[in-house]
Amino acid sequence: MRAVSSLAPICFLAPLLLAACSGGAPSAPGNAANAMAPVNAAQPAENASEPPAPAENASISVKAGKVEFDYAWPSEAAGIPDLDAWLRGNAASLRKQTEEGGKSEQASAQQNGYEFHGYSYSEAWHVEADLPALLVMQSDGYSYTGGAHGMPIVTVLFWDKAAKKRLGTSDLFDLPALTETLKPRFCKALNAERSERRGEPVDPKDANQLPEFVQCVDPAKQIILPVSKGGKTLDTIRFVIMPYEAGPYVEGIYEIDLPVTAAVLKAVKPAYKASFGAS
């Protein structure tokens, strides 16, 4: 499944990351000892006039004892040089956090006499929409830093192909207008999903339930991304609700998908309105 992972800054770019791969074992992981080989290193074309080979999926996997790090992104992103560089830099930053966190946790376990159960970070990106103007991706993963259980990770990324830059959700939407428009449908869909998972209707007046697990949550505070189910436009708005927000940990992540309507289109920023379409 997927703790929300904020996108880390570009602390290390691809050349540094690949250089690190040729060395020895990393020390250990935070949010491992096999040497890491270069990932999908480009080979020079035998004939310069030939078009470059299509990009392949990219992945980085490092393990040192009970410390593990995995990070992957699809060919659609690997084929965009600036985005590929950002993802490699983000992977380098997250790997460093994992190694340092794991080393610290292992030292604490030895010092305080408890068992070191491991330390890990795993995140894989997948495409939710690949349109002429925008690439939309969502990641799923899992982070374990000790304790009874880890936490799922969900991150979103919007790439403006023409401007060659990442966008924030507020670059795409007037967020107050979007969430106000969608809140009635969002709350209804959330309670329907809660009822299905719990096997009984959700009653906001039930004194035996924690209020936060029966009341509607604020859609503006959730992870929001547009996705394309039809493949032609951004026709769906997805809300991702992490564990403990709308229900107990055991219920996992809630994903609420709502179709784009004419009212939703009014909340889309003019620069990106052409990429959206009512379903």
C-alpha atoms as a PDB file:
ATOM      1  CA  MET A   1       0.000   0.000   0.000  1.00  0.00           C
ATOM      2  CA  ARG A   2       0.871   3.366   0.029  1.00  0.00           C
ATOM      3  CA  ALA A   3       2.736   7.460   4.798  1.00  0.00           C
ATOM      4  CA  VAL A   4       2.373  10.295   2.414  1.00  0.00           C
ATOM      5  CA  SER A   5       5.770  10.950   0.980  1.00  0.00           C
ATOM      6  CA  SER A   6       6.508  14.528   0.101  1.00  0.00           C
ATOM      7  CA  LEU A   7       8.595  14.849  -3.004  1.00  0.00           C
ATOM      8  CA  ALA A   8      12.149  15.303  -1.840  1.00  0.00           C
ATOM      9  CA  PRO A   9      14.277  18.123  -3.285  1.00  0.00           C
ATOM     10  CA  ILE A  10      16.939  17.364  -5.877  1.00  0.00           C
ATOM     11  CA  CYS A  11      19.839  16.778  -3.587  1.00  0.00           C
ATOM     12  CA  PHE A  12      21.686  14.478  -5.965  1.00  0.00           C
ATOM     13  CA  LEU A  13      21.405  14.389  -9.749  1.00  0.00           C
ATOM     14  CA  ALA A  14      21.850  11.390 -11.993  1.00  0.00           C
ATOM     15  CA  PRO A  15      25.653  11.639 -12.432  1.00  0.00           C
ATOM     16  CA  LEU A  16      26.197  11.563  -8.677  1.00  0.00           C
ATOM     17  CA  LEU A  17      23.727   8.735  -8.209  1.00  0.00           C
ATOM     18  CA  LEU A  18      25.332   6.639 -10.917  1.00  0.00           C
ATOM     19  CA  ALA A  19      28.775   7.366  -9.529  1.00  0.00           C
ATOM     20  CA  ALA A  20      27.605   6.093  -6.160  1.00  0.00           C
ATOM     21  CA  CYS A  21      26.453   2.902  -7.824  1.00  0.00           C
ATOM     22  CA  SER A  22      29.976   1.921  -8.769  1.00  0.00           C
ATOM     23  CA  GLY A  23      31.227   1.979  -5.209  1.00  0.00           C
ATOM     24  CA  GLY A  24      30.949  -0.464  -2.359  1.00  0.00           C
ATOM     25  CA  ALA A  25      28.079  -1.208  -0.043  1.00  0.00           C
ATOM     26  CA  PRO A  26      25.990   1.588   1.456  1.00  0.00           C
ATOM     27  CA  SER A  27      26.048   1.993   5.189  1.00  0.00           C
ATOM     28  CA  ALA A  28      22.375   1.405   6.020  1.00  0.00           C
ATOM     29  CA  PRO A  29      18.726   3.245   5.665  1.00  0.00           C
ATOM     30  CA  GLY A  30      15.370   6.681   6.478  1.00  0.00           C
ATOM     31  CA  ASN A  31      12.545   8.553   4.400  1.00  0.00           C
ATOM     32  CA  ALA A  32      21.660  -1.292   2.970  1.00  0.00           C
ATOM     33  CA  ALA A  33      25.476  -4.268   1.071  1.00  0.00           C
ATOM     34  CA  ASN A  34      25.289  -4.721  -2.561  1.00  0.00           C
ATOM     35  CA  ALA A  35      26.913  -2.416  -5.102  1.00  0.00           C
ATOM     36  CA  MET A  36      24.358  -0.783  -7.358  1.00  0.00           C
ATOM     37  CA  ALA A  37      24.939  -0.881 -11.091  1.00  0.00           C
ATOM     38  CA  PRO A  38      23.971   2.025 -13.371  1.00  0.00           C
ATOM     39  CA  VAL A  39      20.260   1.939 -14.129  1.00  0.00           C
ATOM     40  CA  ASN A  40      19.253   1.844 -17.794  1.00  0.00           C
ATOM     41  CA  ALA A  41      22.453   3.518 -18.874  1.00  0.00           C
ATOM     42  CA  ALA A  42      22.130   4.849 -22.391  1.00  0.00           C
ATOM     43  CA  GLN A  43      24.345   3.222 -25.010  1.00  0.00           C
ATOM     44  CA  PRO A  44      25.735   5.286 -27.886  1.00  0.00           C
ATOM     45  CA  ALA A  45      23.979   4.601 -31.156  1.00  0.00           C
ATOM     46  CA  GLU A  46      26.042   2.747 -33.724  1.00  0.00           C
ATOM     47  CA  ASN A  47      24.699   5.059 -36.395  1.00  0.00           C
ATOM     48  CA  ALA A  48      24.177   8.672 -35.340  1.00  0.00           C
ATOM     49  CA  SER A  49      21.480   9.073 -37.953  1.00  0.00           C
ATOM     50  CA  GLU A  50      19.326   6.375 -36.362  1.00  0.00           C
ATOM     51  CA  PRO A  51      16.600   7.566 -33.971  1.00  0.00           C
ATOM     52  CA  PRO A  52      17.296   6.903 -30.284  1.00  0.00           C
ATOM     53  CA  ALA A  53      15.897   3.718 -28.828  1.00  0.00           C
ATOM     54  CA  PRO A  54      12.645   4.111 -26.891  1.00  0.00           C
ATOM     55  CA  ALA A  55      13.087   4.731 -23.182  1.00  0.00           C
ATOM     56  CA  GLU A  56      12.680   1.767 -20.867  1.00  0.00           C
ATOM     57  CA  ASN A  57      11.277   1.523 -17.376  1.00  0.00           C
ATOM     58  CA  ALA A  58      13.862   2.560 -14.790  1.00  0.00           C
ATOM     59  CA  SER A  59      14.429   1.130 -11.334  1.00  0.00           C
ATOM     60  CA  ILE A  60      16.921   1.270  -8.493  1.00  0.00           C
ATOM     61  CA  SER A  61      17.161  -1.490  -5.916  1.00  0.00           C
ATOM     62  CA  VAL A  62      19.683  -1.656  -3.068  1.00  0.00           C
ATOM     63  CA  LYS A  63      19.805  -4.039  -0.119  1.00  0.00           C
ATOM     64  CA  ALA A  64      22.250  -4.265   2.773  1.00  0.00           C
ATOM     65  CA  GLY A  65      21.211  -6.743   5.417  1.00  0.00           C
ATOM     66  CA  LYS A  66      17.822  -5.684   6.749  1.00  0.00           C
ATOM     67  CA  VAL A  67      17.979  -2.298   5.073  1.00  0.00           C
ATOM     68  CA  GLU A  68      16.291  -2.090   1.683  1.00  0.00           C
ATOM     69  CA  PHE A  69      15.590   0.635  -0.863  1.00  0.00           C
ATOM     70  CA  ASP A  70      13.553   0.337  -4.061  1.00  0.00           C
ATOM     71  CA  TYR A  71      12.478   3.093  -6.441  1.00  0.00           C
ATOM     72  CA  ALA A  72      11.029   2.787  -9.934  1.00  0.00           C
ATOM     73  CA  TRP A  73       9.496   4.940 -12.657  1.00  0.00           C
ATOM     74  CA  PRO A  74       7.952   4.146 -16.047  1.00  0.00           C
ATOM     75  CA  SER A  75       9.317   4.623 -19.553  1.00  0.00           C
ATOM     76  CA  GLU A  76       7.011   7.585 -20.159  1.00  0.00           C
ATOM     77  CA  ALA A  77       8.917   9.515 -17.474  1.00  0.00           C
ATOM     78  CA  ALA A  78      12.337   8.022 -18.219  1.00  0.00           C
ATOM     79  CA  GLY A  79      11.986   9.275 -21.789  1.00  0.00           C
ATOM     80  CA  ILE A  80      11.738  12.935 -20.705  1.00  0.00           C
ATOM     81  CA  PRO A  81      15.330  13.986 -19.863  1.00  0.00           C
ATOM     82  CA  ASP A  82      14.495  16.734 -17.361  1.00  0.00           C
ATOM     83  CA  LEU A  83      11.924  14.614 -15.558  1.00  0.00           C
ATOM     84  CA  ASP A  84      14.177  11.553 -15.590  1.00  0.00           C
ATOM     85  CA  ALA A  85      16.938  13.653 -14.010  1.00  0.00           C
ATOM     86  CA  TRP A  86      14.558  14.882 -11.317  1.00  0.00           C
ATOM     87  CA  LEU A  87      13.407  11.357 -10.511  1.00  0.00           C
ATOM     88  CA  ARG A  88      16.993  10.119 -10.271  1.00  0.00           C
ATOM     89  CA  GLY A  89      17.836  13.017  -7.986  1.00  0.00           C
ATOM     90  CA  ASN A  90      14.765  12.324  -5.850  1.00  0.00           C
ATOM     91  CA  ALA A  91      15.745   8.658  -5.666  1.00  0.00           C
ATOM     92  CA  ALA A  92      19.252   9.626  -4.528  1.00  0.00           C
ATOM     93  CA  SER A  93      17.865  11.853  -1.782  1.00  0.00           C
ATOM     94  CA  LEU A  94      15.425   9.211  -0.559  1.00  0.00           C
ATOM     95  CA  ARG A  95      18.084   6.518  -0.682  1.00  0.00           C
ATOM     96  CA  LYS A  96      20.394   8.649   1.473  1.00  0.00           C
ATOM     97  CA  GLN A  97      17.600   9.208   3.999  1.00  0.00           C
ATOM     98  CA  THR A  98      16.909   5.469   4.068  1.00  0.00           C
ATOM     99  CA  GLU A  99      20.549   4.543   4.559  1.00  0.00           C
ATOM    100  CA  GLU A 100      21.069   7.094   7.337  1.00  0.00           C
ATOM    101  CA  GLY A 101      17.780   6.243   9.044  1.00  0.00           C
ATOM    102  CA  GLY A 102      18.515   2.538   8.965  1.00  0.00           C
ATOM    103  CA  LYS A 103      21.984   3.045  10.369  1.00  0.00           C
ATOM    104  CA  SER A 104      20.602   5.169  13.201  1.00  0.00           C
ATOM    105  CA  GLU A 105      17.813   2.703  14.011  1.00  0.00           C
ATOM    106  CA  GLN A 106      20.192  -0.252  13.997  1.00  0.00           C
ATOM    107  CA  ALA A 107      22.565   1.562  16.365  1.00  0.00           C
ATOM    108  CA  SER A 108      19.656   2.416  18.671  1.00  0.00           C
ATOM    109  CA  ALA A 109      18.550  -1.220  18.729  1.00  0.00           C
ATOM    110  CA  GLN A 110      22.028  -2.374  19.711  1.00  0.00           C
ATOM    111  CA  GLN A 111      22.392   0.315  22.360  1.00  0.00           C
ATOM    112  CA  ASN A 112      18.986  -0.299  23.940  1.00  0.00           C
ATOM    113  CA  GLY A 113      18.888  -4.073  23.630  1.00  0.00           C
ATOM    114  CA  TYR A 114      15.934  -4.610  21.293  1.00  0.00           C
ATOM    115  CA  GLU A 115      15.777  -6.473  18.020  1.00  0.00           C
ATOM    116  CA  PHE A 116      16.379  -4.557  14.803  1.00  0.00           C
ATOM    117  CA  HIS A 117      13.513  -5.662  12.576  1.00  0.00           C
ATOM    118  CA  GLY A 118      14.602  -3.808   9.481  1.00  0.00           C
ATOM    119  CA  TYR A 119      14.297  -0.507   7.705  1.00  0.00           C
ATOM    120  CA  SER A 120      12.967  -0.022   4.206  1.00  0.00           C
ATOM    121  CA  TYR A 121      11.592   2.346   1.591  1.00  0.00           C
ATOM    122  CA  SER A 122       9.845   1.217  -1.570  1.00  0.00           C
ATOM    123  CA  GLU A 123       8.130   3.486  -4.103  1.00  0.00           C
ATOM    124  CA  ALA A 124       6.997   2.870  -7.683  1.00  0.00           C
ATOM    125  CA  TRP A 125       5.527   5.471 -10.031  1.00  0.00           C
ATOM    126  CA  HIS A 126       2.832   4.689 -12.580  1.00  0.00           C
ATOM    127  CA  VAL A 127       1.132   6.794 -15.237  1.00  0.00           C
ATOM    128  CA  GLU A 128      -2.413   8.009 -14.606  1.00  0.00           C
ATOM    129  CA  ALA A 129      -2.571  10.205 -17.728  1.00  0.00           C
ATOM    130  CA  ASP A 130      -0.214  10.824 -20.628  1.00  0.00           C
ATOM    131  CA  LEU A 131      -1.645  13.664 -22.716  1.00  0.00           C
ATOM    132  CA  PRO A 132      -0.026  16.079 -25.203  1.00  0.00           C
ATOM    133  CA  ALA A 133       0.328  18.810 -22.577  1.00  0.00           C
ATOM    134  CA  LEU A 134       0.574  16.884 -19.310  1.00  0.00           C
ATOM    135  CA  LEU A 135       1.986  13.715 -17.797  1.00  0.00           C
ATOM    136  CA  VAL A 136       0.249  12.762 -14.551  1.00  0.00           C
ATOM    137  CA  MET A 137       1.779  10.116 -12.303  1.00  0.00           C
ATOM    138  CA  GLN A 138       0.903   8.597  -8.955  1.00  0.00           C
ATOM    139  CA  SER A 139       3.285   6.570  -6.828  1.00  0.00           C
ATOM    140  CA  ASP A 140       2.497   3.706  -4.484  1.00  0.00           C
ATOM    141  CA  GLY A 141       4.870   2.403  -1.905  1.00  0.00           C
ATOM    142  CA  TYR A 142       5.619   1.460   1.670  1.00  0.00           C
ATOM    143  CA  SER A 143       7.993   2.709   4.331  1.00  0.00           C
ATOM    144  CA  TYR A 144       9.028   0.724   7.399  1.00  0.00           C
ATOM    145  CA  THR A 145      11.095   2.384  10.132  1.00  0.00           C
ATOM    146  CA  GLY A 146      10.479  -0.082  12.961  1.00  0.00           C
ATOM    147  CA  GLY A 147       7.527  -0.681  15.226  1.00  0.00           C
ATOM    148  CA  ALA A 148       4.387  -2.721  14.725  1.00  0.00           C
ATOM    149  CA  HIS A 149       3.925  -1.826  11.078  1.00  0.00           C
ATOM    150  CA  GLY A 150       5.068   0.542   8.370  1.00  0.00           C
ATOM    151  CA  MET A 151       3.074   3.141   6.501  1.00  0.00           C
ATOM    152  CA  PRO A 152       1.948   3.282   2.897  1.00  0.00           C
ATOM    153  CA  ILE A 153       3.251   5.984   0.576  1.00  0.00           C
ATOM    154  CA  VAL A 154       1.329   7.914  -2.046  1.00  0.00           C
ATOM    155  CA  THR A 155       2.833  10.784  -4.015  1.00  0.00           C
ATOM    156  CA  VAL A 156       1.600  12.612  -7.099  1.00  0.00           C
ATOM    157  CA  LEU A 157       3.499  14.356  -9.871  1.00  0.00           C
ATOM    158  CA  PHE A 158       2.249  16.614 -12.666  1.00  0.00           C
ATOM    159  CA  TRP A 159       4.650  17.384 -15.530  1.00  0.00           C
ATOM    160  CA  ASP A 160       4.064  20.237 -17.967  1.00  0.00           C
ATOM    161  CA  LYS A 161       5.654  18.932 -21.173  1.00  0.00           C
ATOM    162  CA  ALA A 162       5.974  22.298 -22.913  1.00  0.00           C
ATOM    163  CA  ALA A 163       7.295  24.213 -19.900  1.00  0.00           C
ATOM    164  CA  LYS A 164       9.449  21.224 -18.833  1.00  0.00           C
ATOM    165  CA  LYS A 165       8.581  21.593 -15.188  1.00  0.00           C
ATOM    166  CA  ARG A 166       6.673  20.000 -12.329  1.00  0.00           C
ATOM    167  CA  LEU A 167       3.394  21.538 -11.274  1.00  0.00           C
ATOM    168  CA  GLY A 168       1.560  21.713  -7.981  1.00  0.00           C
ATOM    169  CA  THR A 169      -2.104  20.816  -7.614  1.00  0.00           C
ATOM    170  CA  SER A 170      -2.894  24.503  -7.184  1.00  0.00           C
ATOM    171  CA  ASP A 171      -1.328  25.181 -10.606  1.00  0.00           C
ATOM    172  CA  LEU A 172      -4.080  23.068 -12.159  1.00  0.00           C
ATOM    173  CA  PHE A 173      -7.063  23.981  -9.991  1.00  0.00           C
ATOM    174  CA  ASP A 174      -8.719  26.725  -8.029  1.00  0.00           C
ATOM    175  CA  LEU A 175      -8.696  24.347  -5.053  1.00  0.00           C
ATOM    176  CA  PRO A 176     -11.341  26.054  -2.883  1.00  0.00           C
ATOM    177  CA  ALA A 177     -13.741  26.098  -5.845  1.00  0.00           C
ATOM    178  CA  LEU A 178     -12.936  22.492  -6.787  1.00  0.00           C
ATOM    179  CA  THR A 179     -13.443  21.059  -3.311  1.00  0.00           C
ATOM    180  CA  GLU A 180     -16.588  23.092  -2.689  1.00  0.00           C
ATOM    181  CA  THR A 181     -18.046  21.795  -5.953  1.00  0.00           C
ATOM    182  CA  LEU A 182     -17.158  18.176  -5.262  1.00  0.00           C
ATOM    183  CA  LYS A 183     -17.680  17.920  -1.493  1.00  0.00           C
ATOM    184  CA  PRO A 184     -21.298  16.611  -1.552  1.00  0.00           C
ATOM    185  CA  ARG A 185     -20.411  13.847  -4.023  1.00  0.00           C
ATOM    186  CA  PHE A 186     -17.124  13.191  -2.225  1.00  0.00           C
ATOM    187  CA  CYS A 187     -18.795  12.702   1.182  1.00  0.00           C
ATOM    188  CA  LYS A 188     -21.471  10.441  -0.262  1.00  0.00           C
ATOM    189  CA  ALA A 189     -18.910   8.281  -2.078  1.00  0.00           C
ATOM    190  CA  LEU A 190     -16.667   8.088   1.006  1.00  0.00           C
ATOM    191  CA  ASN A 191     -19.495   6.846   3.242  1.00  0.00           C
ATOM    192  CA  ALA A 192     -20.543   4.308   0.621  1.00  0.00           C
ATOM    193  CA  GLU A 193     -17.004   2.923   0.570  1.00  0.00           C
ATOM    194  CA  ARG A 194     -16.774   2.963   4.364  1.00  0.00           C
ATOM    195  CA  SER A 195     -20.042   1.026   4.607  1.00  0.00           C
ATOM    196  CA  GLU A 196     -18.812  -1.573   2.122  1.00  0.00           C
ATOM    197  CA  ARG A 197     -15.547  -2.119   3.973  1.00  0.00           C
ATOM    198  CA  ARG A 198     -17.203  -2.277   7.389  1.00  0.00           C
ATOM    199  CA  GLY A 199     -20.194  -4.347   6.375  1.00  0.00           C
ATOM    200  CA  GLU A 200     -22.667  -1.909   7.893  1.00  0.00           C
ATOM    201  CA  PRO A 201     -23.998   1.596   7.257  1.00  0.00           C
ATOM    202  CA  VAL A 202     -22.001   4.555   8.521  1.00  0.00           C
ATOM    203  CA  ASP A 203     -23.883   6.495  11.185  1.00  0.00           C
ATOM    204  CA  PRO A 204     -22.342   9.901  12.015  1.00  0.00           C
ATOM    205  CA  LYS A 205     -24.436   9.929  15.222  1.00  0.00           C
ATOM    206  CA  ASP A 206     -23.074   6.620  16.516  1.00  0.00           C
ATOM    207  CA  ALA A 207     -21.516   7.431  19.903  1.00  0.00           C
ATOM    208  CA  ASN A 208     -19.592   4.139  19.834  1.00  0.00           C
ATOM    209  CA  GLN A 209     -17.544   5.232  16.823  1.00  0.00           C
ATOM    210  CA  LEU A 210     -14.671   7.683  16.731  1.00  0.00           C
ATOM    211  CA  PRO A 211     -16.113  10.884  15.239  1.00  0.00           C
ATOM    212  CA  GLU A 212     -13.316  11.210  12.687  1.00  0.00           C
ATOM    213  CA  PHE A 213     -14.110   7.750  11.329  1.00  0.00           C
ATOM    214  CA  VAL A 214     -17.802   8.443  10.694  1.00  0.00           C
ATOM    215  CA  GLN A 215     -17.755  12.137   9.785  1.00  0.00           C
ATOM    216  CA  CYS A 216     -16.799  13.345   6.330  1.00  0.00           C
ATOM    217  CA  VAL A 217     -13.186  14.468   5.991  1.00  0.00           C
ATOM    218  CA  ASP A 218     -12.120  17.726   4.377  1.00  0.00           C
ATOM    219  CA  PRO A 219     -11.517  16.941   0.683  1.00  0.00           C
ATOM    220  CA  ALA A 220      -9.176  19.941   0.374  1.00  0.00           C
ATOM    221  CA  LYS A 221      -6.731  18.290   2.817  1.00  0.00           C
ATOM    222  CA  GLN A 222      -6.463  15.044   0.854  1.00  0.00           C
ATOM    223  CA  ILE A 223      -4.194  14.128  -2.045  1.00  0.00           C
ATOM    224  CA  ILE A 224      -5.912  15.346  -5.213  1.00  0.00           C
ATOM    225  CA  LEU A 225      -5.039  14.462  -8.789  1.00  0.00           C
ATOM    226  CA  PRO A 226      -6.752  14.366 -12.169  1.00  0.00           C
ATOM    227  CA  VAL A 227      -6.628  11.030 -13.996  1.00  0.00           C
ATOM    228  CA  SER A 228      -7.679   9.809 -17.408  1.00  0.00           C
ATOM    229  CA  LYS A 229      -9.897   6.748 -17.536  1.00  0.00           C
ATOM    230  CA  GLY A 230     -10.859   7.228 -21.176  1.00  0.00           C
ATOM    231  CA  GLY A 231      -7.318   7.964 -22.329  1.00  0.00           C
ATOM    232  CA  LYS A 232      -8.177  11.187 -24.175  1.00  0.00           C
ATOM    233  CA  THR A 233      -8.691  13.829 -21.494  1.00  0.00           C
ATOM    234  CA  LEU A 234      -8.417  14.256 -17.747  1.00  0.00           C
ATOM    235  CA  ASP A 235     -11.925  13.022 -17.084  1.00  0.00           C
ATOM    236  CA  THR A 236     -11.783  12.028 -13.411  1.00  0.00           C
ATOM    237  CA  ILE A 237     -10.746  13.728 -10.168  1.00  0.00           C
ATOM    238  CA  ARG A 238      -9.183  11.364  -7.636  1.00  0.00           C
ATOM    239  CA  PHE A 239      -8.985  11.944  -3.900  1.00  0.00           C
ATOM    240  CA  VAL A 240      -6.544   9.725  -1.992  1.00  0.00           C
ATOM    241  CA  ILE A 241      -7.203   9.465   1.747  1.00  0.00           C
ATOM    242  CA  MET A 242      -4.436   7.941   3.824  1.00  0.00           C
ATOM    243  CA  PRO A 243      -4.851   5.573   6.815  1.00  0.00           C
ATOM    244  CA  TYR A 244      -6.183   7.131  10.044  1.00  0.00           C
ATOM    245  CA  GLU A 245      -7.811   9.994   8.108  1.00  0.00           C
ATOM    246  CA  ALA A 246     -11.176   8.406   7.300  1.00  0.00           C
ATOM    247  CA  GLY A 247     -10.843   5.091   9.078  1.00  0.00           C
ATOM    248  CA  PRO A 248      -8.506   2.930  11.181  1.00  0.00           C
ATOM    249  CA  TYR A 249      -5.219   1.640   9.798  1.00  0.00           C
ATOM    250  CA  VAL A 250      -6.695  -1.746   8.975  1.00  0.00           C
ATOM    251  CA  GLU A 251      -9.048  -0.144   6.443  1.00  0.00           C
ATOM    252  CA  GLY A 252      -6.080   1.084   4.440  1.00  0.00           C
ATOM    253  CA  ILE A 253      -6.167   3.822   1.829  1.00  0.00           C
ATOM    254  CA  TYR A 254      -9.387   5.192   0.428  1.00  0.00           C
ATOM    255  CA  GLU A 255      -9.456   6.310  -3.215  1.00  0.00           C
ATOM    256  CA  ILE A 256     -12.493   8.288  -4.286  1.00  0.00           C
ATOM    257  CA  ASP A 257     -12.815   8.828  -8.058  1.00  0.00           C
ATOM    258  CA  LEU A 258     -15.363  11.396  -9.217  1.00  0.00           C
ATOM    259  CA  PRO A 259     -16.096  12.210 -12.869  1.00  0.00           C
ATOM    260  CA  VAL A 260     -15.296  15.627 -14.261  1.00  0.00           C
ATOM    261  CA  THR A 261     -18.440  17.670 -14.855  1.00  0.00           C
ATOM    262  CA  ALA A 262     -19.132  21.103 -16.290  1.00  0.00           C
ATOM    263  CA  ALA A 263     -19.035  22.476 -12.732  1.00  0.00           C
ATOM    264  CA  VAL A 264     -15.618  20.905 -12.147  1.00  0.00           C
ATOM    265  CA  LEU A 265     -14.290  22.428 -15.374  1.00  0.00           C
ATOM    266  CA  LYS A 266     -14.987  25.884 -13.973  1.00  0.00           C
ATOM    267  CA  ALA A 267     -12.427  25.204 -11.236  1.00  0.00           C
ATOM    268  CA  VAL A 268      -9.648  24.258 -13.695  1.00  0.00           C
ATOM    269  CA  LYS A 269      -7.031  26.942 -14.342  1.00  0.00           C
ATOM    270  CA  PRO A 270      -7.323  28.419 -17.869  1.00  0.00           C
ATOM    271  CA  ALA A 271      -3.825  27.307 -18.925  1.00  0.00           C
ATOM    272  CA  TYR A 272      -4.758  23.609 -18.520  1.00  0.00           C
ATOM    273  CA  LYS A 273      -8.484  23.597 -19.255  1.00  0.00           C
ATOM    274  CA  ALA A 274      -7.918  22.092 -22.724  1.00  0.00           C
ATOM    275  CA  SER A 275      -6.559  18.910 -21.132  1.00  0.00           C
ATOM    276  CA  PHE A 276      -9.786  18.273 -19.201  1.00  0.00           C
ATOM    277  CA  GLY A 277     -13.040  16.875 -20.433  1.00  0.00           C
ATOM    278  CA  ALA A 278     -16.356  15.913 -18.882  1.00  0.00           C
ATOM    279  CA  SER A 279     -16.862  12.172 -18.895  1.00  0.00           C
END
